[in-house]
Amino acid sequence: MATAAPAADRAPLLLMRGIRKSFPGVQALKGVDLELRAGEVLALLGENGAGKSTLIKILSGAHRADAGGILVNGAEARIATPVDARRAGIAVIYQEFNLVPTLSARENIFLGRERGRAGFTAHGRERAEALALFERIGLKVDPDALTRDLTVAEQQVVEIAKALLLDARIFVMDEPSATLSDQEVARLFEIIRDLRAHGMGVIYISHRLDEIFAIADRVTVLRDGEHVATQPVAEVTRDTLIERMVGRTLAQEFPRRQVAIGPVRLAVRDLARGAKVRGVSFEVRRGEVLALTGLVGAGRTEAARLIAGADRPDRGAIELDGRALRLRSPRDAIRNGIC
């Protein structure tokens, strides 16, 4: 396929105009506008409760708008159900994938759209088509591998392959990097850039601002159910985006305070469990915030579960104010002020 023209030179692929939606006791969307151009990645940002999920559910047919309209390729699109959205070329890839774990990747891709005649499925034809899709998006997986045996990143790409099979032109990706490693995120970005190069539009939802600057062309910010701004990513800064999302400057949101650091309150010494947690030690002092970081699979969650009493360590000690704790359950941790 030929490379698409720059997004700014293309007609809008998707227009959502004046979208309003209310639920009992709350007005979730207050006349929101959104424009997605062919061949671009549009970041959709906002705090929790800003209206992002409601807007996407309306686009996907899961909710109906109280007012407003949707145009796809300049034509009015009546989207009342998820089937309507799929027919309009809209694919939403959520954090929780819509895949059957006990089916193969191929079977998930063709589920409800099986190839064959008279009730007989043409497995060979499906496999060939699946391989072609996988090759296009760089997925090196046996189409007949069980979905439950695939990594999260591989399952995500299977979802993208499903959408391509349906000739989707509009892709919505909701926090797609939430459980991916840095290497897997880099591969996802390659796929997104390929979609963009072939004239498709991608709405990218993420709280990770570094990713927005790495992959998006423009950014739309929502706050309290209203459209705040849309502009090229190259024209905004990280602080500007945060200010637009929360309605305050970064300094106002997180003012620096002088806090006296006191004695050690929590001490973790040589904590170990299985292969993930091996000799972890650290201290947290009174008045201190300690960040526990690491790549996906580094053992952060497993270490936290030990400190919270959800799992028992193979060895090591947890001390609170110099007193050794024996945490047999989360209840024990809560009783000791750890939660």
C-alpha atoms as a PDB file:
ATOM      1  CA  MET A   1       0.000   0.000   0.000  1.00  0.00           C
ATOM      2  CA  ALA A   2       1.189   3.532  -0.683  1.00  0.00           C
ATOM      3  CA  THR A   3       2.074   5.747   2.248  1.00  0.00           C
ATOM      4  CA  ALA A   4      -0.749   8.064   3.270  1.00  0.00           C
ATOM      5  CA  ALA A   5      -0.585  11.810   2.834  1.00  0.00           C
ATOM      6  CA  PRO A   6       0.169  13.908   5.927  1.00  0.00           C
ATOM      7  CA  ALA A   7      -2.773  13.928   8.339  1.00  0.00           C
ATOM      8  CA  ALA A   8      -3.168  17.701   8.174  1.00  0.00           C
ATOM      9  CA  ASP A   9      -3.869  17.439   4.431  1.00  0.00           C
ATOM     10  CA  ARG A  10      -6.546  14.775   4.812  1.00  0.00           C
ATOM     11  CA  ALA A  11     -10.265  15.164   5.435  1.00  0.00           C
ATOM     12  CA  PRO A  12     -11.443  14.216   8.938  1.00  0.00           C
ATOM     13  CA  LEU A  13     -11.866  10.479   9.259  1.00  0.00           C
ATOM     14  CA  LEU A  14     -14.028  10.877  12.352  1.00  0.00           C
ATOM     15  CA  LEU A  15     -15.995  13.799  13.749  1.00  0.00           C
ATOM     16  CA  MET A  16     -17.862  13.702  17.051  1.00  0.00           C
ATOM     17  CA  ARG A  17     -19.770  16.955  17.527  1.00  0.00           C
ATOM     18  CA  GLY A  18     -21.584  18.291  20.565  1.00  0.00           C
ATOM     19  CA  ILE A  19     -21.701  14.930  22.332  1.00  0.00           C
ATOM     20  CA  ARG A  20     -23.742  15.035  25.528  1.00  0.00           C
ATOM     21  CA  LYS A  21     -24.408  12.224  27.967  1.00  0.00           C
ATOM     22  CA  SER A  22     -25.949  12.190  31.427  1.00  0.00           C
ATOM     23  CA  PHE A  23     -26.332   9.493  34.021  1.00  0.00           C
ATOM     24  CA  PRO A  24     -28.421   9.736  37.202  1.00  0.00           C
ATOM     25  CA  GLY A  25     -26.902  12.561  39.213  1.00  0.00           C
ATOM     26  CA  VAL A  26     -24.057  13.391  36.839  1.00  0.00           C
ATOM     27  CA  GLN A  27     -23.540  15.008  33.441  1.00  0.00           C
ATOM     28  CA  ALA A  28     -20.666  12.959  32.038  1.00  0.00           C
ATOM     29  CA  LEU A  29     -20.245  14.808  28.724  1.00  0.00           C
ATOM     30  CA  LYS A  30     -21.158  18.445  28.099  1.00  0.00           C
ATOM     31  CA  GLY A  31     -21.083  18.997  24.358  1.00  0.00           C
ATOM     32  CA  VAL A  32     -17.727  17.383  23.581  1.00  0.00           C
ATOM     33  CA  ASP A  33     -16.132  17.664  20.131  1.00  0.00           C
ATOM     34  CA  LEU A  34     -13.477  15.292  18.810  1.00  0.00           C
ATOM     35  CA  GLU A  35     -11.815  15.170  15.400  1.00  0.00           C
ATOM     36  CA  LEU A  36      -9.608  12.344  14.137  1.00  0.00           C
ATOM     37  CA  ARG A  37      -7.849  12.723  10.811  1.00  0.00           C
ATOM     38  CA  ALA A  38      -6.853   9.924   8.486  1.00  0.00           C
ATOM     39  CA  GLY A  39      -3.221   9.013   8.982  1.00  0.00           C
ATOM     40  CA  GLU A  40      -2.779  10.431  12.471  1.00  0.00           C
ATOM     41  CA  VAL A  41      -2.484   9.359  16.089  1.00  0.00           C
ATOM     42  CA  LEU A  42      -4.692  11.470  18.352  1.00  0.00           C
ATOM     43  CA  ALA A  43      -3.976  11.282  22.079  1.00  0.00           C
ATOM     44  CA  LEU A  44      -7.055  11.571  24.297  1.00  0.00           C
ATOM     45  CA  LEU A  45      -6.136  12.791  27.772  1.00  0.00           C
ATOM     46  CA  GLY A  46      -7.951  13.617  30.974  1.00  0.00           C
ATOM     47  CA  GLU A  47      -8.094  12.692  34.625  1.00  0.00           C
ATOM     48  CA  ASN A  48     -10.260   9.828  35.820  1.00  0.00           C
ATOM     49  CA  GLY A  49     -13.849  11.009  35.478  1.00  0.00           C
ATOM     50  CA  ALA A  50     -13.043  13.515  32.734  1.00  0.00           C
ATOM     51  CA  GLY A  51     -15.336  11.712  30.280  1.00  0.00           C
ATOM     52  CA  LYS A  52     -12.874   9.744  28.148  1.00  0.00           C
ATOM     53  CA  SER A  53     -14.432   6.332  28.782  1.00  0.00           C
ATOM     54  CA  THR A  54     -17.972   7.609  28.239  1.00  0.00           C
ATOM     55  CA  LEU A  55     -16.983   9.237  24.948  1.00  0.00           C
ATOM     56  CA  ILE A  56     -15.342   6.032  23.716  1.00  0.00           C
ATOM     57  CA  LYS A  57     -18.301   3.911  24.814  1.00  0.00           C
ATOM     58  CA  ILE A  58     -20.554   6.141  22.718  1.00  0.00           C
ATOM     59  CA  LEU A  59     -18.208   5.758  19.753  1.00  0.00           C
ATOM     60  CA  SER A  60     -18.155   1.972  20.221  1.00  0.00           C
ATOM     61  CA  GLY A  61     -21.943   1.674  20.517  1.00  0.00           C
ATOM     62  CA  ALA A  62     -21.900   0.605  24.168  1.00  0.00           C
ATOM     63  CA  HIS A  63     -23.724   3.836  25.176  1.00  0.00           C
ATOM     64  CA  ARG A  64     -26.025   6.150  23.263  1.00  0.00           C
ATOM     65  CA  ALA A  65     -25.436   9.881  23.336  1.00  0.00           C
ATOM     66  CA  ASP A  66     -28.230  12.133  24.597  1.00  0.00           C
ATOM     67  CA  ALA A  67     -27.312  14.706  21.950  1.00  0.00           C
ATOM     68  CA  GLY A  68     -24.722  15.308  19.263  1.00  0.00           C
ATOM     69  CA  GLY A  69     -23.643  13.558  16.092  1.00  0.00           C
ATOM     70  CA  ILE A  70     -20.949  11.284  14.676  1.00  0.00           C
ATOM     71  CA  LEU A  71     -19.582  11.491  11.146  1.00  0.00           C
ATOM     72  CA  VAL A  72     -17.279   8.889   9.594  1.00  0.00           C
ATOM     73  CA  ASN A  73     -15.605   9.913   6.329  1.00  0.00           C
ATOM     74  CA  GLY A  74     -17.967  12.869   6.175  1.00  0.00           C
ATOM     75  CA  ALA A  75     -21.145  10.772   6.343  1.00  0.00           C
ATOM     76  CA  GLU A  76     -23.448  10.616   9.339  1.00  0.00           C
ATOM     77  CA  ALA A  77     -22.991   7.392  11.278  1.00  0.00           C
ATOM     78  CA  ARG A  78     -25.815   6.108  13.453  1.00  0.00           C
ATOM     79  CA  ILE A  79     -24.047   4.065  16.098  1.00  0.00           C
ATOM     80  CA  ALA A  80     -26.522   2.458  18.465  1.00  0.00           C
ATOM     81  CA  THR A  81     -24.779  -0.886  19.024  1.00  0.00           C
ATOM     82  CA  PRO A  82     -21.265  -2.357  18.858  1.00  0.00           C
ATOM     83  CA  VAL A  83     -22.280  -3.986  15.564  1.00  0.00           C
ATOM     84  CA  ASP A  84     -22.999  -0.527  14.134  1.00  0.00           C
ATOM     85  CA  ALA A  85     -19.543   0.615  15.231  1.00  0.00           C
ATOM     86  CA  ARG A  86     -17.832  -2.351  13.580  1.00  0.00           C
ATOM     87  CA  ARG A  87     -19.754  -1.746  10.360  1.00  0.00           C
ATOM     88  CA  ALA A  88     -18.549   1.865  10.450  1.00  0.00           C
ATOM     89  CA  GLY A  89     -14.950   0.649  10.620  1.00  0.00           C
ATOM     90  CA  ILE A  90     -14.424   1.423  14.315  1.00  0.00           C
ATOM     91  CA  ALA A  91     -12.413  -0.957  16.505  1.00  0.00           C
ATOM     92  CA  VAL A  92     -11.860  -0.450  20.235  1.00  0.00           C
ATOM     93  CA  ILE A  93      -9.063  -2.383  21.923  1.00  0.00           C
ATOM     94  CA  TYR A  94      -9.613  -2.308  25.669  1.00  0.00           C
ATOM     95  CA  GLN A  95      -7.213  -3.247  28.464  1.00  0.00           C
ATOM     96  CA  GLU A  96      -9.282  -6.388  29.004  1.00  0.00           C
ATOM     97  CA  PHE A  97      -9.087  -8.180  25.669  1.00  0.00           C
ATOM     98  CA  ASN A  98     -12.171  -9.624  23.998  1.00  0.00           C
ATOM     99  CA  LEU A  99     -10.555 -13.006  23.365  1.00  0.00           C
ATOM    100  CA  VAL A 100     -11.521 -16.564  24.324  1.00  0.00           C
ATOM    101  CA  PRO A 101      -8.496 -18.047  26.161  1.00  0.00           C
ATOM    102  CA  THR A 102      -9.272 -21.655  25.194  1.00  0.00           C
ATOM    103  CA  LEU A 103      -9.448 -20.893  21.464  1.00  0.00           C
ATOM    104  CA  SER A 104      -6.455 -20.493  19.195  1.00  0.00           C
ATOM    105  CA  ALA A 105      -5.325 -17.130  17.884  1.00  0.00           C
ATOM    106  CA  ARG A 106      -6.770 -18.078  14.477  1.00  0.00           C
ATOM    107  CA  GLU A 107     -10.115 -19.116  15.956  1.00  0.00           C
ATOM    108  CA  ASN A 108     -10.378 -15.848  17.879  1.00  0.00           C
ATOM    109  CA  ILE A 109      -9.658 -13.801  14.776  1.00  0.00           C
ATOM    110  CA  PHE A 110     -12.337 -15.576  12.728  1.00  0.00           C
ATOM    111  CA  LEU A 111     -14.855 -16.126  15.537  1.00  0.00           C
ATOM    112  CA  GLY A 112     -18.268 -15.424  14.011  1.00  0.00           C
ATOM    113  CA  ARG A 113     -16.664 -14.955  10.590  1.00  0.00           C
ATOM    114  CA  GLU A 114     -15.462 -18.499   9.911  1.00  0.00           C
ATOM    115  CA  ARG A 115     -14.274 -19.336   6.410  1.00  0.00           C
ATOM    116  CA  GLY A 116     -15.947 -22.314   4.761  1.00  0.00           C
ATOM    117  CA  ARG A 117     -19.172 -23.716   3.337  1.00  0.00           C
ATOM    118  CA  ALA A 118     -22.092 -25.844   4.452  1.00  0.00           C
ATOM    119  CA  GLY A 119     -21.062 -25.720   8.087  1.00  0.00           C
ATOM    120  CA  PHE A 120     -17.485 -26.833   7.417  1.00  0.00           C
ATOM    121  CA  THR A 121     -14.658 -24.506   8.413  1.00  0.00           C
ATOM    122  CA  ALA A 122     -11.770 -24.069   5.993  1.00  0.00           C
ATOM    123  CA  HIS A 123      -8.966 -24.201   8.549  1.00  0.00           C
ATOM    124  CA  GLY A 124      -6.248 -24.008   5.912  1.00  0.00           C
ATOM    125  CA  ARG A 125      -7.687 -20.846   4.407  1.00  0.00           C
ATOM    126  CA  GLU A 126      -8.085 -19.258   7.837  1.00  0.00           C
ATOM    127  CA  ARG A 127      -4.522 -20.165   8.759  1.00  0.00           C
ATOM    128  CA  ALA A 128      -3.163 -18.627   5.553  1.00  0.00           C
ATOM    129  CA  GLU A 129      -5.129 -15.407   6.114  1.00  0.00           C
ATOM    130  CA  ALA A 130      -4.046 -15.258   9.754  1.00  0.00           C
ATOM    131  CA  LEU A 131      -0.399 -15.725   8.774  1.00  0.00           C
ATOM    132  CA  ALA A 132      -0.718 -12.902   6.243  1.00  0.00           C
ATOM    133  CA  LEU A 133      -2.199 -10.622   8.910  1.00  0.00           C
ATOM    134  CA  PHE A 134       0.490 -11.582  11.404  1.00  0.00           C
ATOM    135  CA  GLU A 135       3.232 -10.945   8.862  1.00  0.00           C
ATOM    136  CA  ARG A 136       1.801  -7.519   8.113  1.00  0.00           C
ATOM    137  CA  ILE A 137       1.927  -6.462  11.755  1.00  0.00           C
ATOM    138  CA  GLY A 138       5.076  -8.356  12.669  1.00  0.00           C
ATOM    139  CA  LEU A 139       3.575 -10.997  14.969  1.00  0.00           C
ATOM    140  CA  LYS A 140       5.670 -14.167  15.018  1.00  0.00           C
ATOM    141  CA  VAL A 141       3.125 -16.570  16.487  1.00  0.00           C
ATOM    142  CA  ASP A 142       1.638 -19.851  15.296  1.00  0.00           C
ATOM    143  CA  PRO A 143      -1.995 -19.028  14.401  1.00  0.00           C
ATOM    144  CA  ASP A 144      -3.043 -22.315  16.002  1.00  0.00           C
ATOM    145  CA  ALA A 145      -1.395 -21.527  19.348  1.00  0.00           C
ATOM    146  CA  LEU A 146      -3.863 -21.297  22.224  1.00  0.00           C
ATOM    147  CA  THR A 147      -4.588 -17.712  23.176  1.00  0.00           C
ATOM    148  CA  ARG A 148      -4.038 -18.413  26.871  1.00  0.00           C
ATOM    149  CA  ASP A 149      -0.436 -19.388  26.055  1.00  0.00           C
ATOM    150  CA  LEU A 150       0.338 -16.050  24.384  1.00  0.00           C
ATOM    151  CA  THR A 151       1.908 -13.093  26.156  1.00  0.00           C
ATOM    152  CA  VAL A 152      -0.202 -10.009  26.869  1.00  0.00           C
ATOM    153  CA  ALA A 153       1.577  -8.181  24.045  1.00  0.00           C
ATOM    154  CA  GLU A 154       0.862 -11.022  21.607  1.00  0.00           C
ATOM    155  CA  GLN A 155      -2.810 -11.120  22.615  1.00  0.00           C
ATOM    156  CA  GLN A 156      -2.996  -7.381  22.026  1.00  0.00           C
ATOM    157  CA  VAL A 157      -1.680  -7.820  18.490  1.00  0.00           C
ATOM    158  CA  VAL A 158      -4.239 -10.594  17.895  1.00  0.00           C
ATOM    159  CA  GLU A 159      -6.913  -8.007  18.768  1.00  0.00           C
ATOM    160  CA  ILE A 160      -5.407  -5.640  16.203  1.00  0.00           C
ATOM    161  CA  ALA A 161      -5.402  -8.448  13.623  1.00  0.00           C
ATOM    162  CA  LYS A 162      -9.116  -9.051  14.325  1.00  0.00           C
ATOM    163  CA  ALA A 163      -9.809  -5.388  13.646  1.00  0.00           C
ATOM    164  CA  LEU A 164      -7.811  -5.423  10.407  1.00  0.00           C
ATOM    165  CA  LEU A 165      -9.796  -8.445   9.232  1.00  0.00           C
ATOM    166  CA  LEU A 166     -12.938  -6.330   9.649  1.00  0.00           C
ATOM    167  CA  ASP A 167     -11.387  -3.519   7.585  1.00  0.00           C
ATOM    168  CA  ALA A 168     -11.327  -1.163  10.561  1.00  0.00           C
ATOM    169  CA  ARG A 169     -10.112   2.342   9.745  1.00  0.00           C
ATOM    170  CA  ILE A 170     -10.506   3.875  13.199  1.00  0.00           C
ATOM    171  CA  PHE A 171      -8.605   2.256  16.075  1.00  0.00           C
ATOM    172  CA  VAL A 172      -9.175   3.225  19.693  1.00  0.00           C
ATOM    173  CA  MET A 173      -6.503   1.951  22.087  1.00  0.00           C
ATOM    174  CA  ASP A 174      -7.351   2.274  25.773  1.00  0.00           C
ATOM    175  CA  GLU A 175      -4.214   2.277  27.971  1.00  0.00           C
ATOM    176  CA  PRO A 176      -2.549  -0.226  25.599  1.00  0.00           C
ATOM    177  CA  SER A 177       0.836  -0.110  27.336  1.00  0.00           C
ATOM    178  CA  ALA A 178      -0.426  -0.639  30.888  1.00  0.00           C
ATOM    179  CA  THR A 179       1.037  -4.146  31.260  1.00  0.00           C
ATOM    180  CA  LEU A 180       3.738  -4.113  28.576  1.00  0.00           C
ATOM    181  CA  SER A 181       7.500  -4.046  28.954  1.00  0.00           C
ATOM    182  CA  ASP A 182       9.502  -1.229  27.351  1.00  0.00           C
ATOM    183  CA  GLN A 183      10.460  -3.536  24.473  1.00  0.00           C
ATOM    184  CA  GLU A 184       6.824  -4.515  23.921  1.00  0.00           C
ATOM    185  CA  VAL A 185       5.762  -0.853  23.966  1.00  0.00           C
ATOM    186  CA  ALA A 186       8.370  -0.108  21.299  1.00  0.00           C
ATOM    187  CA  ARG A 187       6.947  -2.904  19.136  1.00  0.00           C
ATOM    188  CA  LEU A 188       3.395  -1.615  19.695  1.00  0.00           C
ATOM    189  CA  PHE A 189       4.508   1.822  18.524  1.00  0.00           C
ATOM    190  CA  GLU A 190       5.897   0.273  15.330  1.00  0.00           C
ATOM    191  CA  ILE A 191       2.479  -1.245  14.633  1.00  0.00           C
ATOM    192  CA  ILE A 192       0.716   2.053  15.356  1.00  0.00           C
ATOM    193  CA  ARG A 193       3.066   3.911  13.015  1.00  0.00           C
ATOM    194  CA  ASP A 194       2.328   1.345  10.311  1.00  0.00           C
ATOM    195  CA  LEU A 195      -1.417   1.864  10.776  1.00  0.00           C
ATOM    196  CA  ARG A 196      -0.893   5.619  10.534  1.00  0.00           C
ATOM    197  CA  ALA A 197       1.251   5.258   7.406  1.00  0.00           C
ATOM    198  CA  HIS A 198      -1.596   3.377   5.712  1.00  0.00           C
ATOM    199  CA  GLY A 199      -4.089   6.179   6.321  1.00  0.00           C
ATOM    200  CA  MET A 200      -5.818   4.821   9.395  1.00  0.00           C
ATOM    201  CA  GLY A 201      -6.634   6.893  12.453  1.00  0.00           C
ATOM    202  CA  VAL A 202      -5.670   5.917  15.989  1.00  0.00           C
ATOM    203  CA  ILE A 203      -7.107   7.369  19.200  1.00  0.00           C
ATOM    204  CA  TYR A 204      -4.528   6.668  21.904  1.00  0.00           C
ATOM    205  CA  ILE A 205      -5.616   6.894  25.544  1.00  0.00           C
ATOM    206  CA  SER A 206      -2.887   6.858  28.173  1.00  0.00           C
ATOM    207  CA  HIS A 207      -1.856   8.450  31.454  1.00  0.00           C
ATOM    208  CA  ARG A 208       1.803   8.081  30.466  1.00  0.00           C
ATOM    209  CA  LEU A 209       2.681  11.478  29.048  1.00  0.00           C
ATOM    210  CA  ASP A 210       6.076  10.338  27.757  1.00  0.00           C
ATOM    211  CA  GLU A 211       4.233   7.993  25.387  1.00  0.00           C
ATOM    212  CA  ILE A 212       2.041  10.836  24.137  1.00  0.00           C
ATOM    213  CA  PHE A 213       5.099  12.813  23.053  1.00  0.00           C
ATOM    214  CA  ALA A 214       6.615   9.694  21.484  1.00  0.00           C
ATOM    215  CA  ILE A 215       3.682   8.518  19.352  1.00  0.00           C
ATOM    216  CA  ALA A 216       0.908  11.142  19.017  1.00  0.00           C
ATOM    217  CA  ASP A 217       0.492  13.837  16.362  1.00  0.00           C
ATOM    218  CA  ARG A 218      -2.182  15.851  18.170  1.00  0.00           C
ATOM    219  CA  VAL A 219      -3.688  15.769  21.637  1.00  0.00           C
ATOM    220  CA  THR A 220      -7.242  16.376  22.858  1.00  0.00           C
ATOM    221  CA  VAL A 221      -7.760  17.129  26.545  1.00  0.00           C
ATOM    222  CA  LEU A 222     -11.031  16.616  28.421  1.00  0.00           C
ATOM    223  CA  ARG A 223     -11.803  17.929  31.896  1.00  0.00           C
ATOM    224  CA  ASP A 224     -15.018  17.472  33.872  1.00  0.00           C
ATOM    225  CA  GLY A 225     -16.890  16.289  30.784  1.00  0.00           C
ATOM    226  CA  GLU A 226     -15.829  19.219  28.615  1.00  0.00           C
ATOM    227  CA  HIS A 227     -13.423  19.670  25.715  1.00  0.00           C
ATOM    228  CA  VAL A 228     -10.534  21.838  26.910  1.00  0.00           C
ATOM    229  CA  ALA A 229      -8.167  21.932  23.941  1.00  0.00           C
ATOM    230  CA  THR A 230      -6.898  20.143  20.842  1.00  0.00           C
ATOM    231  CA  GLN A 231      -3.542  21.002  19.314  1.00  0.00           C
ATOM    232  CA  PRO A 232      -0.383  19.477  17.842  1.00  0.00           C
ATOM    233  CA  VAL A 233       1.786  17.665  20.358  1.00  0.00           C
ATOM    234  CA  ALA A 234       4.798  19.607  19.077  1.00  0.00           C
ATOM    235  CA  GLU A 235       3.199  22.811  20.405  1.00  0.00           C
ATOM    236  CA  VAL A 236       2.612  21.698  24.004  1.00  0.00           C
ATOM    237  CA  THR A 237       4.746  20.810  26.993  1.00  0.00           C
ATOM    238  CA  ARG A 238       4.278  18.236  29.719  1.00  0.00           C
ATOM    239  CA  ASP A 239       3.429  20.953  32.249  1.00  0.00           C
ATOM    240  CA  THR A 240       0.883  22.488  29.866  1.00  0.00           C
ATOM    241  CA  LEU A 241      -0.906  19.157  29.450  1.00  0.00           C
ATOM    242  CA  ILE A 242      -1.023  18.570  33.204  1.00  0.00           C
ATOM    243  CA  GLU A 243      -2.372  22.076  33.780  1.00  0.00           C
ATOM    244  CA  ARG A 244      -5.107  21.533  31.198  1.00  0.00           C
ATOM    245  CA  MET A 245      -6.068  18.151  32.645  1.00  0.00           C
ATOM    246  CA  VAL A 246      -6.322  19.291  36.271  1.00  0.00           C
ATOM    247  CA  GLY A 247      -7.106  22.994  35.838  1.00  0.00           C
ATOM    248  CA  ARG A 248      -4.112  24.092  37.919  1.00  0.00           C
ATOM    249  CA  THR A 249      -0.405  24.536  37.359  1.00  0.00           C
ATOM    250  CA  LEU A 250       1.964  21.755  38.317  1.00  0.00           C
ATOM    251  CA  ALA A 251       3.325  23.859  41.185  1.00  0.00           C
ATOM    252  CA  GLN A 252      -0.198  24.345  42.546  1.00  0.00           C
ATOM    253  CA  GLU A 253      -1.019  20.655  42.173  1.00  0.00           C
ATOM    254  CA  PHE A 254       2.141  19.409  43.894  1.00  0.00           C
ATOM    255  CA  PRO A 255       3.600  22.275  45.952  1.00  0.00           C
ATOM    256  CA  ARG A 256       7.027  21.585  47.408  1.00  0.00           C
ATOM    257  CA  ARG A 257       6.969  21.317  51.180  1.00  0.00           C
ATOM    258  CA  GLN A 258       9.843  21.119  53.597  1.00  0.00           C
ATOM    259  CA  VAL A 259       9.314  17.991  55.667  1.00  0.00           C
ATOM    260  CA  ALA A 260      11.678  16.776  58.333  1.00  0.00           C
ATOM    261  CA  ILE A 261      12.751  13.196  57.667  1.00  0.00           C
ATOM    262  CA  GLY A 262      12.557  11.149  60.840  1.00  0.00           C
ATOM    263  CA  PRO A 263      13.696   7.735  62.006  1.00  0.00           C
ATOM    264  CA  VAL A 264      13.181   4.468  60.147  1.00  0.00           C
ATOM    265  CA  ARG A 265       9.590   3.268  60.399  1.00  0.00           C
ATOM    266  CA  LEU A 266       9.518   0.322  57.983  1.00  0.00           C
ATOM    267  CA  ALA A 267      12.514  -1.898  57.327  1.00  0.00           C
ATOM    268  CA  VAL A 268      12.529  -4.754  54.818  1.00  0.00           C
ATOM    269  CA  ARG A 269      15.538  -7.036  55.178  1.00  0.00           C
ATOM    270  CA  ASP A 270      16.639  -9.759  52.741  1.00  0.00           C
ATOM    271  CA  LEU A 271      13.036 -10.519  51.737  1.00  0.00           C
ATOM    272  CA  ALA A 272      12.691 -13.441  49.321  1.00  0.00           C
ATOM    273  CA  ARG A 273       9.989 -15.581  47.750  1.00  0.00           C
ATOM    274  CA  GLY A 274      10.380 -17.862  44.748  1.00  0.00           C
ATOM    275  CA  ALA A 275      12.265 -16.623  41.705  1.00  0.00           C
ATOM    276  CA  LYS A 276      10.787 -13.096  41.586  1.00  0.00           C
ATOM    277  CA  VAL A 277      11.806 -11.695  45.006  1.00  0.00           C
ATOM    278  CA  ARG A 278      15.407 -12.443  45.919  1.00  0.00           C
ATOM    279  CA  GLY A 279      17.012 -10.627  48.826  1.00  0.00           C
ATOM    280  CA  VAL A 280      15.068  -7.339  48.702  1.00  0.00           C
ATOM    281  CA  SER A 281      16.066  -4.820  51.377  1.00  0.00           C
ATOM    282  CA  PHE A 282      15.075  -1.185  51.921  1.00  0.00           C
ATOM    283  CA  GLU A 283      14.004   1.283  54.615  1.00  0.00           C
ATOM    284  CA  VAL A 284      11.264   3.904  54.748  1.00  0.00           C
ATOM    285  CA  ARG A 285      11.642   6.799  57.195  1.00  0.00           C
ATOM    286  CA  ARG A 286       8.985   8.907  58.856  1.00  0.00           C
ATOM    287  CA  GLY A 287       7.905  11.697  56.491  1.00  0.00           C
ATOM    288  CA  GLU A 288       9.449  10.019  53.455  1.00  0.00           C
ATOM    289  CA  VAL A 289       7.950   8.802  50.175  1.00  0.00           C
ATOM    290  CA  LEU A 290       9.905   5.883  48.738  1.00  0.00           C
ATOM    291  CA  ALA A 291       9.344   4.842  45.114  1.00  0.00           C
ATOM    292  CA  LEU A 292       9.508   1.119  44.354  1.00  0.00           C
ATOM    293  CA  THR A 293      10.175   0.838  40.625  1.00  0.00           C
ATOM    294  CA  GLY A 294      11.207  -1.701  38.022  1.00  0.00           C
ATOM    295  CA  LEU A 295      10.260  -3.146  34.651  1.00  0.00           C
ATOM    296  CA  VAL A 296       7.273  -5.426  34.185  1.00  0.00           C
ATOM    297  CA  GLY A 297       8.193  -8.757  35.766  1.00  0.00           C
ATOM    298  CA  ALA A 298      10.884  -7.283  38.031  1.00  0.00           C
ATOM    299  CA  GLY A 299       9.069  -8.381  41.190  1.00  0.00           C
ATOM    300  CA  ARG A 300       7.477  -5.118  42.362  1.00  0.00           C
ATOM    301  CA  THR A 301       4.006  -6.599  42.835  1.00  0.00           C
ATOM    302  CA  GLU A 302       5.353  -9.754  44.446  1.00  0.00           C
ATOM    303  CA  ALA A 303       7.403  -7.736  46.947  1.00  0.00           C
ATOM    304  CA  ALA A 304       4.417  -5.530  47.764  1.00  0.00           C
ATOM    305  CA  ARG A 305       2.258  -8.595  48.371  1.00  0.00           C
ATOM    306  CA  LEU A 306       4.778  -9.854  50.926  1.00  0.00           C
ATOM    307  CA  ILE A 307       4.777  -6.523  52.769  1.00  0.00           C
ATOM    308  CA  ALA A 308       0.955  -6.456  52.699  1.00  0.00           C
ATOM    309  CA  GLY A 309       0.705  -9.966  54.140  1.00  0.00           C
ATOM    310  CA  ALA A 310      -0.927 -11.417  51.023  1.00  0.00           C
ATOM    311  CA  ASP A 311       1.923 -13.927  50.587  1.00  0.00           C
ATOM    312  CA  ARG A 312       4.447 -15.385  53.009  1.00  0.00           C
ATOM    313  CA  PRO A 313       8.182 -14.963  52.375  1.00  0.00           C
ATOM    314  CA  ASP A 314      10.625 -17.848  52.076  1.00  0.00           C
ATOM    315  CA  ARG A 315      13.054 -15.820  54.151  1.00  0.00           C
ATOM    316  CA  GLY A 316      13.729 -12.309  55.365  1.00  0.00           C
ATOM    317  CA  ALA A 317      12.221  -9.921  57.869  1.00  0.00           C
ATOM    318  CA  ILE A 318       9.767  -7.029  57.953  1.00  0.00           C
ATOM    319  CA  GLU A 319      10.180  -4.583  60.844  1.00  0.00           C
ATOM    320  CA  LEU A 320       7.933  -1.728  61.934  1.00  0.00           C
ATOM    321  CA  ASP A 321       9.474   0.813  64.314  1.00  0.00           C
ATOM    322  CA  GLY A 322      12.192  -1.715  65.112  1.00  0.00           C
ATOM    323  CA  ARG A 323       9.713  -4.474  65.915  1.00  0.00           C
ATOM    324  CA  ALA A 324       9.711  -7.667  63.843  1.00  0.00           C
ATOM    325  CA  LEU A 325       6.354  -8.461  62.235  1.00  0.00           C
ATOM    326  CA  ARG A 326       4.931 -11.869  61.391  1.00  0.00           C
ATOM    327  CA  LEU A 327       2.332 -11.182  58.722  1.00  0.00           C
ATOM    328  CA  ARG A 328       0.158 -14.191  57.988  1.00  0.00           C
ATOM    329  CA  SER A 329      -2.576 -12.267  56.172  1.00  0.00           C
ATOM    330  CA  PRO A 330      -3.514  -8.782  54.923  1.00  0.00           C
ATOM    331  CA  ARG A 331      -5.541  -8.418  58.113  1.00  0.00           C
ATOM    332  CA  ASP A 332      -2.329  -8.740  60.144  1.00  0.00           C
ATOM    333  CA  ALA A 333      -0.732  -6.022  58.009  1.00  0.00           C
ATOM    334  CA  ILE A 334      -3.708  -3.685  58.437  1.00  0.00           C
ATOM    335  CA  ARG A 335      -3.693  -4.214  62.205  1.00  0.00           C
ATOM    336  CA  ASN A 336      -0.093  -3.045  62.195  1.00  0.00           C
ATOM    337  CA  GLY A 337      -0.894   0.040  60.115  1.00  0.00           C
ATOM    338  CA  ILE A 338       0.254  -1.301  56.737  1.00  0.00           C
ATOM    339  CA  CYS A 339      -2.341  -0.932  54.005  1.00  0.00           C
END
